[in-house]
Amino acid sequence: MTARKLSISVPPEVEETIKAAAAEEGKPVSAWLAEAAVEKAQAAAAHAAGRVAAKELIAEYEKDNGALPEESRRRARQFMMDAGLLDDDNWQTAG
């Protein structure tokens, strides 16, 4: 794989955290950052897929049973927020 150079700017305290974490794992900073970026992107994709799946399940349920009761929607929203799958902005645009 060909490596490409990328320049980033971070506050000094973040730089120290990154360097310490890379050193702890015995990796160059660039390798550590690339791995962290891939992990972050994969987590974001998994969360997005989870939100899509949840919307599909609700739509399927409502097609067969009618509208989900408001209390159930509230509890589902709270569960997803607690699980880190949803924030207020996501909820407002997800409907």
C-alpha atoms as a PDB file:
ATOM      1  CA  MET A   1       0.000   0.000   0.000  1.00  0.00           C
ATOM      2  CA  THR A   2       1.296   3.436  -0.916  1.00  0.00           C
ATOM      3  CA  ALA A   3       1.311   5.894   1.961  1.00  0.00           C
ATOM      4  CA  ARG A   4       0.176   9.456   1.385  1.00  0.00           C
ATOM      5  CA  LYS A   5       1.193  12.383   3.513  1.00  0.00           C
ATOM      6  CA  LEU A   6      -1.519  14.223   5.415  1.00  0.00           C
ATOM      7  CA  SER A   7      -1.028  17.283   7.571  1.00  0.00           C
ATOM      8  CA  ILE A   8      -3.201  17.840  10.657  1.00  0.00           C
ATOM      9  CA  SER A   9      -3.291  20.440  13.397  1.00  0.00           C
ATOM     10  CA  VAL A  10      -4.047  19.547  17.002  1.00  0.00           C
ATOM     11  CA  PRO A  11      -3.790  21.345  20.326  1.00  0.00           C
ATOM     12  CA  PRO A  12      -0.581  20.622  22.288  1.00  0.00           C
ATOM     13  CA  GLU A  13      -2.357  18.440  24.851  1.00  0.00           C
ATOM     14  CA  VAL A  14      -3.814  16.275  22.074  1.00  0.00           C
ATOM     15  CA  GLU A  15      -0.366  15.966  20.482  1.00  0.00           C
ATOM     16  CA  GLU A  16       1.065  14.690  23.758  1.00  0.00           C
ATOM     17  CA  THR A  17      -1.801  12.229  24.193  1.00  0.00           C
ATOM     18  CA  ILE A  18      -1.303  10.888  20.658  1.00  0.00           C
ATOM     19  CA  LYS A  19       2.458  10.556  21.068  1.00  0.00           C
ATOM     20  CA  ALA A  20       2.096   8.798  24.406  1.00  0.00           C
ATOM     21  CA  ALA A  21      -0.507   6.362  23.070  1.00  0.00           C
ATOM     22  CA  ALA A  22       1.595   5.580  19.990  1.00  0.00           C
ATOM     23  CA  ALA A  23       4.686   5.041  22.126  1.00  0.00           C
ATOM     24  CA  GLU A  24       2.746   2.780  24.491  1.00  0.00           C
ATOM     25  CA  GLU A  25       1.794   0.590  21.531  1.00  0.00           C
ATOM     26  CA  GLY A  26       5.285   0.785  20.020  1.00  0.00           C
ATOM     27  CA  LYS A  27       4.008   2.360  16.807  1.00  0.00           C
ATOM     28  CA  PRO A  28       4.998   5.423  14.838  1.00  0.00           C
ATOM     29  CA  VAL A  29       2.577   8.317  15.340  1.00  0.00           C
ATOM     30  CA  SER A  30       1.455   8.167  11.705  1.00  0.00           C
ATOM     31  CA  ALA A  31       0.606   4.457  11.944  1.00  0.00           C
ATOM     32  CA  TRP A  32      -1.208   4.979  15.236  1.00  0.00           C
ATOM     33  CA  LEU A  33      -3.239   7.881  13.804  1.00  0.00           C
ATOM     34  CA  ALA A  34      -4.111   5.929  10.650  1.00  0.00           C
ATOM     35  CA  GLU A  35      -5.325   2.998  12.743  1.00  0.00           C
ATOM     36  CA  ALA A  36      -7.332   5.302  15.020  1.00  0.00           C
ATOM     37  CA  ALA A  37      -8.940   6.981  11.995  1.00  0.00           C
ATOM     38  CA  VAL A  38      -9.951   3.622  10.507  1.00  0.00           C
ATOM     39  CA  GLU A  39     -11.419   2.502  13.836  1.00  0.00           C
ATOM     40  CA  LYS A  40     -13.361   5.773  14.165  1.00  0.00           C
ATOM     41  CA  ALA A  41     -14.697   5.480  10.599  1.00  0.00           C
ATOM     42  CA  GLN A  42     -15.753   1.864  11.172  1.00  0.00           C
ATOM     43  CA  ALA A  43     -17.528   2.786  14.411  1.00  0.00           C
ATOM     44  CA  ALA A  44     -19.350   5.647  12.675  1.00  0.00           C
ATOM     45  CA  ALA A  45     -20.434   3.313   9.875  1.00  0.00           C
ATOM     46  CA  ALA A  46     -21.661   0.733  12.404  1.00  0.00           C
ATOM     47  CA  HIS A  47     -23.665   3.385  14.272  1.00  0.00           C
ATOM     48  CA  ALA A  48     -25.156   4.653  11.017  1.00  0.00           C
ATOM     49  CA  ALA A  49     -26.121   1.106  10.033  1.00  0.00           C
ATOM     50  CA  GLY A  50     -27.695   0.601  13.468  1.00  0.00           C
ATOM     51  CA  ARG A  51     -29.783   3.753  13.085  1.00  0.00           C
ATOM     52  CA  VAL A  52     -30.943   2.640   9.624  1.00  0.00           C
ATOM     53  CA  ALA A  53     -31.819  -0.825  10.927  1.00  0.00           C
ATOM     54  CA  ALA A  54     -33.773   0.647  13.840  1.00  0.00           C
ATOM     55  CA  LYS A  55     -35.750   2.911  11.485  1.00  0.00           C
ATOM     56  CA  GLU A  56     -36.485  -0.062   9.227  1.00  0.00           C
ATOM     57  CA  LEU A  57     -37.692  -2.167  12.158  1.00  0.00           C
ATOM     58  CA  ILE A  58     -39.980   0.612  13.348  1.00  0.00           C
ATOM     59  CA  ALA A  59     -41.352   1.137   9.834  1.00  0.00           C
ATOM     60  CA  GLU A  60     -42.005  -2.605   9.466  1.00  0.00           C
ATOM     61  CA  TYR A  61     -43.708  -2.744  12.856  1.00  0.00           C
ATOM     62  CA  GLU A  62     -45.867   0.294  12.071  1.00  0.00           C
ATOM     63  CA  LYS A  63     -46.835  -1.116   8.671  1.00  0.00           C
ATOM     64  CA  ASP A  64     -48.198  -4.236  10.365  1.00  0.00           C
ATOM     65  CA  ASN A  65     -49.482  -2.763  13.641  1.00  0.00           C
ATOM     66  CA  GLY A  66     -50.088   0.943  13.221  1.00  0.00           C
ATOM     67  CA  ALA A  67     -48.205   3.814  14.787  1.00  0.00           C
ATOM     68  CA  LEU A  68     -45.850   3.047  17.629  1.00  0.00           C
ATOM     69  CA  PRO A  69     -47.254   4.508  20.866  1.00  0.00           C
ATOM     70  CA  GLU A  70     -45.603   7.769  21.940  1.00  0.00           C
ATOM     71  CA  GLU A  71     -44.378   6.268  25.235  1.00  0.00           C
ATOM     72  CA  SER A  72     -42.635   3.468  23.316  1.00  0.00           C
ATOM     73  CA  ARG A  73     -41.038   6.037  21.004  1.00  0.00           C
ATOM     74  CA  ARG A  74     -39.823   7.999  24.022  1.00  0.00           C
ATOM     75  CA  ARG A  75     -38.314   4.885  25.633  1.00  0.00           C
ATOM     76  CA  ALA A  76     -36.670   3.807  22.366  1.00  0.00           C
ATOM     77  CA  ARG A  77     -35.230   7.288  21.889  1.00  0.00           C
ATOM     78  CA  GLN A  78     -33.832   7.287  25.429  1.00  0.00           C
ATOM     79  CA  PHE A  79     -32.347   3.810  24.967  1.00  0.00           C
ATOM     80  CA  MET A  80     -30.632   4.843  21.726  1.00  0.00           C
ATOM     81  CA  MET A  81     -29.304   8.047  23.302  1.00  0.00           C
ATOM     82  CA  ASP A  82     -27.967   6.107  26.311  1.00  0.00           C
ATOM     83  CA  ALA A  83     -26.293   3.629  23.931  1.00  0.00           C
ATOM     84  CA  GLY A  84     -24.620   6.473  22.065  1.00  0.00           C
ATOM     85  CA  LEU A  85     -26.494   5.717  18.847  1.00  0.00           C
ATOM     86  CA  LEU A  86     -28.476   8.896  18.782  1.00  0.00           C
ATOM     87  CA  ASP A  87     -28.228  12.503  19.812  1.00  0.00           C
ATOM     88  CA  ASP A  88     -30.881  15.210  19.721  1.00  0.00           C
ATOM     89  CA  ASP A  89     -29.788  16.342  16.247  1.00  0.00           C
ATOM     90  CA  ASN A  90     -30.025  12.768  14.869  1.00  0.00           C
ATOM     91  CA  TRP A  91     -33.453  12.314  16.392  1.00  0.00           C
ATOM     92  CA  GLN A  92     -34.847  15.501  14.892  1.00  0.00           C
ATOM     93  CA  THR A  93     -33.711  14.508  11.378  1.00  0.00           C
ATOM     94  CA  ALA A  94     -34.388  10.778  11.690  1.00  0.00           C
ATOM     95  CA  GLY A  95     -38.174  10.959  11.594  1.00  0.00           C
END
